[in-house]
Amino acid sequence: MALVVLLVIFGVLKGLDIYTHHGEAVTVPDVKGKSFLEARQILEQSELKCVVADSNYVSALPAGCILDYNPAAGQKVKRGHIIYLNINTLSVPLVNVPDVADNSSLRQAEARLLAAGFKISQVEPVDGEKDWVYGVKYNGQRLMLGEKVPINSTLSLMVGSGTAVIDSLGINDAEIKPEPSKQPEKKPTSGDDSWF
């Protein structure tokens, strides 16, 4: 009876080894920088599977290329193991343009836009207070508050040139001159001979 129990235990352990590929390991190949299709083909040749687990945006790299993966290259894993890929996004993400219109000087607006990752191509002069930003344009279209554009886009600024602005009544600020002060008329007083 003891011999039968030992044979059953040995058979079960051997079966588990075969089923789980115990002791059989493959090395994860290097697929960093490759396209998703190339990476999948290379991994499948090594009897590994892959899935996209995450994506990020790196402007200097091609869309869809492998940025990172886990387990990393050179690690030993069992055949059929899943490799989790992090790829470069296929489309450029859209981001909000910082609110610089009507509340920033040219210098402040440039600093905020450059810090947000945008480029500034030109400054378009408009009537208004000198060096005051009145609007932001993308591809020739004026952007409204909260509008999104592709990250790293080139924008142009609408900046006051220092010329006067015509208000809603059609009055030019530069033409408004103060009225000369009027002296009140002198009233005669008793005993004043200048009236006669």
Protein backbone atom coordinates (compact mmCIF):
# COMPACT_ATOMS: atom_id res chain seq x y z
CA MET A 1 0.00 0.00 0.00
CA ALA A 2 2.86 2.37 0.87
CA LEU A 3 4.37 1.72 -2.55
CA VAL A 4 1.12 2.70 -4.29
CA VAL A 5 0.87 5.93 -2.26
CA LEU A 6 4.47 6.81 -3.17
CA LEU A 7 3.79 6.13 -6.87
CA VAL A 8 0.66 8.31 -6.78
CA ILE A 9 2.52 11.18 -5.09
CA PHE A 10 5.42 10.87 -7.55
CA GLY A 11 2.97 10.82 -10.48
CA VAL A 12 1.13 13.89 -9.24
CA LEU A 13 4.38 15.85 -8.73
CA LYS A 14 5.69 14.83 -12.15
CA GLY A 15 2.38 15.84 -13.73
CA LEU A 16 2.53 19.25 -12.03
CA ASP A 17 6.09 19.77 -13.28
CA ILE A 18 5.02 19.00 -16.83
CA TYR A 19 1.86 21.12 -16.59
CA THR A 20 3.62 24.15 -15.06
CA HIS A 21 6.82 23.76 -17.12
CA HIS A 22 8.81 23.61 -13.89
CA GLY A 23 12.50 24.23 -14.50
CA GLU A 24 11.86 25.41 -18.06
CA ALA A 25 12.61 29.12 -18.29
CA VAL A 26 13.09 31.50 -21.18
CA THR A 27 14.89 34.83 -21.16
CA VAL A 28 12.76 37.90 -21.85
CA PRO A 29 14.10 39.48 -25.07
CA ASP A 30 14.81 43.20 -25.44
CA VAL A 31 11.91 44.87 -27.27
CA LYS A 32 12.31 48.45 -26.01
CA GLY A 33 11.85 51.02 -28.80
CA LYS A 34 10.26 48.49 -31.17
CA SER A 35 6.73 48.87 -32.52
CA PHE A 36 3.98 46.90 -30.81
CA LEU A 37 3.71 44.47 -33.74
CA GLU A 38 7.48 43.83 -33.81
CA ALA A 39 7.57 43.35 -30.04
CA ARG A 40 4.66 40.90 -30.10
CA GLN A 41 6.31 38.87 -32.85
CA ILE A 42 9.65 38.71 -30.98
CA LEU A 43 7.94 37.73 -27.72
CA GLU A 44 5.83 35.06 -29.41
CA GLN A 45 9.00 33.55 -30.93
CA SER A 46 10.25 33.18 -27.34
CA GLU A 47 6.92 31.52 -26.43
CA LEU A 48 5.79 34.53 -24.38
CA LYS A 49 2.55 36.51 -24.49
CA CYS A 50 2.12 40.27 -24.21
CA VAL A 51 -0.57 42.80 -23.37
CA VAL A 52 -0.55 46.62 -23.33
CA ALA A 53 -0.85 47.66 -19.70
CA ASP A 54 -0.24 51.40 -19.97
CA SER A 55 0.66 54.24 -22.32
CA ASN A 56 2.53 57.54 -21.96
CA TYR A 57 3.42 60.35 -24.34
CA VAL A 58 7.05 60.99 -25.32
CA SER A 59 7.25 63.49 -28.19
CA ALA A 60 10.77 62.43 -29.27
CA LEU A 61 9.74 58.79 -29.90
CA PRO A 62 7.47 57.32 -32.59
CA ALA A 63 3.84 56.65 -31.72
CA GLY A 64 3.14 53.07 -30.64
CA CYS A 65 6.72 52.15 -29.76
CA ILE A 66 7.53 50.22 -26.57
CA LEU A 67 8.66 52.54 -23.76
CA ASP A 68 9.03 49.94 -21.02
CA TYR A 69 7.83 46.47 -20.02
CA ASN A 70 7.64 44.10 -17.10
CA PRO A 71 9.33 41.65 -16.54
CA ALA A 72 12.31 43.46 -18.03
CA ALA A 73 14.77 42.20 -20.65
CA GLY A 74 17.12 39.48 -19.44
CA GLN A 75 14.84 38.11 -16.71
CA LYS A 76 13.99 34.40 -16.69
CA VAL A 77 10.30 33.51 -16.91
CA LYS A 78 8.26 30.44 -17.77
CA ARG A 79 7.06 29.84 -21.29
CA GLY A 80 3.66 31.39 -21.87
CA HIS A 81 4.29 34.12 -19.27
CA ILE A 82 2.55 37.46 -19.96
CA ILE A 83 4.79 40.49 -20.54
CA TYR A 84 3.10 43.81 -19.65
CA LEU A 85 3.96 46.57 -22.12
CA ASN A 86 3.98 50.35 -21.72
CA ILE A 87 3.69 52.00 -25.15
CA ASN A 88 3.99 55.54 -26.53
CA THR A 89 0.47 56.84 -27.22
CA LEU A 90 -0.79 56.56 -30.78
CA SER A 91 -2.22 60.10 -30.79
CA VAL A 92 -0.91 63.36 -29.38
CA PRO A 93 -2.78 64.20 -26.17
CA LEU A 94 -4.82 67.42 -25.98
CA VAL A 95 -4.19 69.85 -23.11
CA ASN A 96 -5.77 73.08 -21.86
CA VAL A 97 -4.02 76.29 -22.85
CA PRO A 98 -3.21 78.38 -19.74
CA ASP A 99 -5.54 81.35 -19.30
CA VAL A 100 -3.33 84.29 -20.26
CA ALA A 101 -5.77 86.43 -22.32
CA ASP A 102 -6.83 89.71 -20.72
CA ASN A 103 -4.96 89.01 -17.48
CA SER A 104 -1.25 88.84 -18.39
CA SER A 105 1.55 90.92 -19.76
CA LEU A 106 3.50 89.56 -22.74
CA ARG A 107 6.35 88.47 -20.47
CA GLN A 108 4.03 86.63 -18.03
CA ALA A 109 2.10 84.94 -20.85
CA GLU A 110 5.27 83.73 -22.57
CA ALA A 111 6.61 82.29 -19.30
CA ARG A 112 3.35 80.44 -18.53
CA LEU A 113 2.93 79.04 -22.05
CA LEU A 114 6.56 77.89 -22.33
CA ALA A 115 6.35 76.26 -18.89
CA ALA A 116 3.23 74.37 -20.04
CA GLY A 117 5.20 72.93 -22.99
CA PHE A 118 3.94 75.19 -25.79
CA LYS A 119 6.00 77.11 -28.35
CA ILE A 120 5.35 80.72 -29.38
CA SER A 121 5.74 81.52 -33.06
CA GLN A 122 4.85 85.17 -33.33
CA VAL A 123 3.28 88.17 -31.66
CA GLU A 124 0.37 89.76 -33.52
CA PRO A 125 -0.03 93.45 -32.67
CA VAL A 126 -3.56 94.66 -31.90
CA ASP A 127 -4.99 97.96 -30.66
CA GLY A 128 -4.69 98.20 -26.91
CA GLU A 129 -2.41 98.72 -23.96
CA LYS A 130 1.22 98.11 -24.85
CA ASP A 131 2.51 94.55 -24.14
CA TRP A 132 -0.86 93.39 -22.75
CA VAL A 133 -2.04 89.99 -24.05
CA TYR A 134 -5.56 90.14 -25.52
CA GLY A 135 -5.78 86.64 -27.00
CA VAL A 136 -4.08 83.40 -28.03
CA LYS A 137 -4.30 81.80 -31.48
CA TYR A 138 -3.68 78.26 -32.72
CA ASN A 139 -3.48 77.67 -36.49
CA GLY A 140 -4.86 81.16 -37.06
CA GLN A 141 -7.95 80.61 -34.90
CA ARG A 142 -8.48 82.52 -31.66
CA LEU A 143 -8.79 80.15 -28.71
CA MET A 144 -11.60 80.45 -26.19
CA LEU A 145 -11.14 79.87 -22.45
CA GLY A 146 -10.87 76.13 -21.68
CA GLU A 147 -10.14 75.07 -25.27
CA LYS A 148 -7.67 72.21 -25.74
CA VAL A 149 -4.90 71.87 -28.32
CA PRO A 150 -2.25 69.17 -28.92
CA ILE A 151 0.59 69.26 -26.41
CA ASN A 152 3.78 71.02 -27.65
CA SER A 153 1.76 73.07 -30.18
CA THR A 154 2.97 76.39 -31.57
CA LEU A 155 0.78 79.33 -30.55
CA SER A 156 0.69 83.03 -31.46
CA LEU A 157 -0.20 85.86 -29.09
CA MET A 158 -2.41 88.89 -29.74
CA VAL A 159 -0.57 91.70 -27.94
CA GLY A 160 -1.46 95.36 -27.49
CA SER A 161 0.63 97.72 -29.60
CA GLY A 162 0.08 100.79 -27.44
CA THR A 163 -2.46 102.45 -29.72
CA ALA A 164 -5.71 103.72 -28.26
CA VAL A 165 -8.86 101.65 -28.12
CA ILE A 166 -12.22 102.89 -29.40
CA ASP A 167 -14.84 102.25 -26.76
CA SER A 168 -18.45 101.26 -27.35
CA LEU A 169 -19.46 104.94 -27.77
CA GLY A 170 -16.89 105.44 -30.52
CA ILE A 171 -14.72 107.70 -28.41
CA ASN A 172 -10.98 107.41 -28.84
CA ASP A 173 -9.24 107.42 -25.44
CA ALA A 174 -6.31 109.33 -26.87
CA GLU A 175 -8.58 112.14 -28.08
CA ILE A 176 -10.26 112.78 -24.73
CA LYS A 177 -8.94 116.02 -23.33
CA PRO A 178 -9.94 117.53 -20.03
CA GLU A 179 -12.20 120.57 -20.32
CA PRO A 180 -10.63 123.85 -19.28
CA SER A 181 -11.76 124.76 -15.83
CA LYS A 182 -14.38 127.50 -15.85
CA GLN A 183 -14.20 130.28 -13.36
CA PRO A 184 -17.56 130.99 -11.73
CA GLU A 185 -19.04 134.32 -12.76
CA LYS A 186 -18.27 137.06 -10.37
CA LYS A 187 -21.39 138.47 -8.77
CA PRO A 188 -21.52 142.09 -7.89
CA THR A 189 -21.41 142.95 -4.28
CA SER A 190 -22.54 146.11 -2.63
CA GLY A 191 -19.93 148.72 -2.73
CA ASP A 192 -18.35 147.28 -5.88
CA ASP A 193 -17.98 150.11 -8.40
CA SER A 194 -16.92 147.81 -11.24
CA TRP A 195 -20.52 147.36 -12.27
CA PHE A 196 -21.07 150.94 -13.17
